[in-house]
Amino acid sequence: MSKESITTPSAESLAEAARQAGKKGLPPVHKWNPEFCGDLDMRIARDGTWFYLGTPIGRPELVRLFSTILKREGDKYFLVTPVEKVGITVDDAPFVAVDFEAGGAGEAQNLLFETNVGDKVLAGPDNPIRVERDPETGEPSPYVLVRDGLEALIDRKSFYRLVEIGARQDGWFGLWSGGDFFRIIPEDELPE
C-alpha cells in the first residue's frame, strides 16, 4: 500500500498557483471546481484590508494576487486554484471602490471605478451599482459589481462625489452610467 502525500493548502501554495494561472490576465476561476479543502484563516475587512492568521497582509502585490483567485458561491467566498478550494471570511464586500472617473453627462454619462486591488470597471448593465440602506439608521452602503458576483463597496469620499453628479429620474435620485439609471434614494426622502 503506497502512502500518498497529502498537502494542506496555505497562503503560499495558493499564491504560487495564482501566479502560474494568472500569467495572461485573470485566471478562469469560474471554470475551476476543485474539492473543498477547508477554511483558511484569511479575512477581508470592510475597509478592504486582507488579513492572514490575524495579521494584515502588507504587500499590495500579494493582495492583488489573491484577489484574482477569489470566487463567490452563494454567500460564501473561496480562494480557488485548479486543485484547491479554501474558504475565507469576507466582512462585507471583497473589494473597495477607492476612486472613479466620470465622463459624459446625463444619460450619456459613464462612471469608471477603480478598486483597492487595481481592477477597473465601467458601471452599466453588466456591472450595476446598488445601494443598501441600514434599516435603523438609513445610512447608505453603495456597491458596484466588479466581476463574477464579486462587488466593491464604494468608499465614502467617492460616494459623496457621486451624489454631487446625481440626477433625478422617475421619482428617484440616482446615477447614470453605461446607459442605465441606478437608483440611490427616492426623491421624497432627499433632505431639503
Protein backbone atom coordinates (compact mmCIF):
# COMPACT_ATOMS: atom_id res chain seq x y z
CA MET A 1 0.00 0.00 0.00
CA SER A 2 1.52 3.34 -1.01
CA LYS A 3 1.26 6.45 1.06
CA GLU A 4 0.14 9.50 -0.84
CA SER A 5 1.42 12.87 0.20
CA ILE A 6 -1.42 14.98 1.49
CA THR A 7 -0.81 18.71 1.43
CA THR A 8 -2.67 21.31 3.39
CA PRO A 9 -3.48 24.49 1.47
CA SER A 10 -1.57 27.51 2.64
CA ALA A 11 -1.37 31.14 1.59
CA GLU A 12 1.96 30.37 -0.03
CA SER A 13 0.68 27.44 -2.14
CA LEU A 14 -2.35 29.46 -3.21
CA ALA A 15 -0.20 32.46 -4.15
CA GLU A 16 2.09 30.29 -6.27
CA ALA A 17 -0.85 28.67 -8.06
CA ALA A 18 -2.35 32.13 -8.71
CA ARG A 19 0.96 33.35 -10.14
CA GLN A 20 1.07 30.44 -12.56
CA ALA A 21 -2.59 30.70 -13.59
CA GLY A 22 -2.67 34.47 -13.95
CA LYS A 23 0.25 34.98 -16.32
CA LYS A 24 -2.16 36.00 -19.10
CA GLY A 25 -4.74 38.12 -17.26
CA LEU A 26 -7.30 37.00 -14.72
CA PRO A 27 -7.34 33.26 -14.06
CA PRO A 28 -10.53 31.44 -15.20
CA VAL A 29 -11.79 30.78 -11.65
CA HIS A 30 -15.35 30.39 -12.96
CA LYS A 31 -14.19 27.16 -14.65
CA TRP A 32 -12.45 25.73 -11.61
CA ASN A 33 -14.43 23.46 -9.27
CA PRO A 34 -11.94 21.53 -7.14
CA GLU A 35 -12.90 19.74 -3.96
CA PHE A 36 -13.28 21.89 -0.86
CA CYS A 37 -10.09 21.68 1.23
CA GLY A 38 -11.29 23.50 4.36
CA ASP A 39 -11.19 27.03 5.65
CA LEU A 40 -8.11 29.23 5.69
CA ASP A 41 -7.60 31.83 8.42
CA MET A 42 -7.87 34.68 5.94
CA ARG A 43 -10.30 37.59 6.23
CA ILE A 44 -11.16 40.65 4.17
CA ALA A 45 -12.28 43.53 6.40
CA ARG A 46 -14.95 46.03 5.36
CA ASP A 47 -12.24 48.61 4.61
CA GLY A 48 -10.58 46.23 2.11
CA THR A 49 -7.70 45.14 4.36
CA TRP A 50 -6.75 41.49 3.90
CA PHE A 51 -5.64 39.55 6.99
CA TYR A 52 -3.84 36.21 7.19
CA LEU A 53 -3.62 34.50 10.60
CA GLY A 54 -4.89 37.74 12.17
CA THR A 55 -2.14 39.90 10.67
CA PRO A 56 -2.72 42.42 7.85
CA ILE A 57 -1.13 41.40 4.57
CA GLY A 58 1.19 44.33 3.94
CA ARG A 59 2.25 43.51 0.39
CA PRO A 60 -0.21 45.04 -2.12
CA GLU A 61 1.02 42.76 -4.91
CA LEU A 62 0.19 39.69 -2.80
CA VAL A 63 -3.29 41.03 -2.01
CA ARG A 64 -3.80 41.68 -5.74
CA LEU A 65 -2.68 38.15 -6.50
CA PHE A 66 -5.12 36.62 -4.01
CA SER A 67 -7.92 38.83 -5.35
CA THR A 68 -7.52 37.22 -8.78
CA ILE A 69 -8.38 33.74 -7.46
CA LEU A 70 -11.35 34.84 -5.36
CA LYS A 71 -14.67 33.15 -6.11
CA ARG A 72 -18.14 33.59 -4.67
CA GLU A 73 -20.65 30.79 -4.34
CA GLY A 74 -23.90 31.96 -2.77
CA ASP A 75 -22.94 33.92 0.33
CA LYS A 76 -19.56 32.20 0.72
CA TYR A 77 -16.16 33.21 -0.58
CA PHE A 78 -13.30 30.96 -1.62
CA LEU A 79 -9.78 31.17 -2.94
CA VAL A 80 -9.54 28.62 -5.73
CA THR A 81 -6.92 27.08 -7.95
CA PRO A 82 -7.43 24.19 -10.37
CA VAL A 83 -6.73 21.77 -7.48
CA GLU A 84 -7.55 23.65 -4.25
CA LYS A 85 -10.56 25.46 -2.83
CA VAL A 86 -10.41 27.09 0.59
CA GLY A 87 -13.00 29.18 2.39
CA ILE A 88 -12.20 32.68 3.61
CA THR A 89 -14.17 35.27 5.56
CA VAL A 90 -15.40 38.48 3.93
CA ASP A 91 -16.86 41.04 6.33
CA ASP A 92 -18.85 42.94 3.68
CA ALA A 93 -17.68 43.11 0.05
CA PRO A 94 -14.34 41.69 -1.05
CA PHE A 95 -13.25 44.91 -2.75
CA VAL A 96 -13.47 48.65 -2.12
CA ALA A 97 -14.02 51.15 -4.94
CA VAL A 98 -11.50 53.81 -3.93
CA ASP A 99 -11.94 56.20 -6.85
CA PHE A 100 -13.85 56.82 -10.06
CA GLU A 101 -13.75 58.90 -13.20
CA ALA A 102 -16.89 60.36 -14.74
CA GLY A 103 -17.14 61.04 -18.45
CA GLY A 104 -20.04 62.46 -20.42
CA ALA A 105 -23.19 63.91 -18.92
CA GLY A 106 -26.79 62.95 -18.26
CA GLU A 107 -27.88 59.69 -19.87
CA ALA A 108 -24.55 59.54 -21.74
CA GLN A 109 -22.53 59.61 -18.51
CA ASN A 110 -20.06 56.79 -17.80
CA LEU A 111 -18.58 56.01 -14.39
CA LEU A 112 -15.30 54.11 -14.37
CA PHE A 113 -14.44 52.78 -10.90
CA GLU A 114 -11.05 51.64 -9.61
CA THR A 115 -10.79 49.19 -6.72
CA ASN A 116 -8.26 48.85 -3.94
CA VAL A 117 -6.70 45.92 -5.83
CA GLY A 118 -6.38 47.75 -9.15
CA ASP A 119 -9.44 46.45 -11.00
CA LYS A 120 -11.18 48.97 -13.25
CA VAL A 121 -14.86 48.54 -14.00
CA LEU A 122 -17.33 50.59 -16.01
CA ALA A 123 -20.69 50.74 -14.27
CA GLY A 124 -23.52 49.72 -16.56
CA PRO A 125 -25.86 46.83 -17.32
CA ASP A 126 -23.16 44.19 -16.70
CA ASN A 127 -21.69 45.99 -13.68
CA PRO A 128 -24.61 47.62 -11.86
CA ILE A 129 -24.46 49.98 -8.91
CA ARG A 130 -26.73 49.17 -5.98
CA VAL A 131 -27.33 50.86 -2.66
CA GLU A 132 -28.45 49.15 0.54
CA ARG A 133 -29.67 51.23 3.43
CA ASP A 134 -29.32 50.35 7.08
CA PRO A 135 -32.90 49.75 8.30
CA GLU A 136 -32.24 51.52 11.61
CA THR A 137 -30.07 54.48 10.62
CA GLY A 138 -30.91 54.84 6.93
CA GLU A 139 -27.17 55.07 6.19
CA PRO A 140 -26.41 54.00 2.61
CA SER A 141 -23.91 51.33 1.61
CA PRO A 142 -23.25 51.66 -2.13
CA TYR A 143 -21.73 48.84 -4.20
CA VAL A 144 -20.63 48.23 -7.77
CA LEU A 145 -20.35 44.76 -9.30
CA VAL A 146 -16.76 44.08 -10.32
CA ARG A 147 -16.86 40.55 -11.75
CA ASP A 148 -18.48 37.14 -11.28
CA GLY A 149 -20.67 38.10 -8.31
CA LEU A 150 -17.83 39.99 -6.58
CA GLU A 151 -18.71 43.52 -5.52
CA ALA A 152 -16.81 46.57 -4.34
CA LEU A 153 -18.10 48.76 -1.55
CA ILE A 154 -17.87 52.34 -2.85
CA ASP A 155 -15.84 54.31 -0.31
CA ARG A 156 -17.33 57.34 1.41
CA LYS A 157 -15.33 60.04 -0.43
CA SER A 158 -16.25 58.55 -3.80
CA PHE A 159 -19.91 58.22 -2.81
CA TYR A 160 -20.04 61.90 -1.81
CA ARG A 161 -18.58 62.81 -5.20
CA LEU A 162 -21.15 60.58 -6.92
CA VAL A 163 -24.00 62.30 -5.08
CA GLU A 164 -22.75 65.63 -6.45
CA ILE A 165 -23.26 64.39 -10.02
CA GLY A 166 -26.51 62.50 -9.36
CA ALA A 167 -29.70 63.03 -11.33
CA ARG A 168 -33.44 62.72 -10.85
CA GLN A 169 -35.43 60.19 -12.82
CA ASP A 170 -38.99 58.86 -12.36
CA GLY A 171 -39.20 59.90 -8.68
CA TRP A 172 -35.71 58.69 -7.82
CA PHE A 173 -32.34 60.31 -7.22
CA GLY A 174 -29.56 58.22 -8.73
CA LEU A 175 -26.73 57.90 -11.20
CA TRP A 176 -26.45 57.37 -14.94
CA SER A 177 -23.72 55.12 -16.28
CA GLY A 178 -23.43 52.92 -19.33
CA GLY A 179 -26.93 53.91 -20.46
CA ASP A 180 -28.59 52.71 -17.23
CA PHE A 181 -30.02 54.69 -14.33
CA PHE A 182 -29.08 53.34 -10.91
CA ARG A 183 -31.42 54.33 -8.09
CA ILE A 184 -29.95 55.63 -4.85
CA ILE A 185 -32.87 57.09 -2.89
CA PRO A 186 -36.49 58.10 -3.56
CA GLU A 187 -36.70 61.82 -4.31
CA ASP A 188 -39.17 62.40 -1.49
CA GLU A 189 -36.59 61.14 1.02
CA LEU A 190 -33.92 63.59 -0.05
CA PRO A 191 -33.00 66.16 2.59
CA GLU A 192 -34.32 69.65 1.80
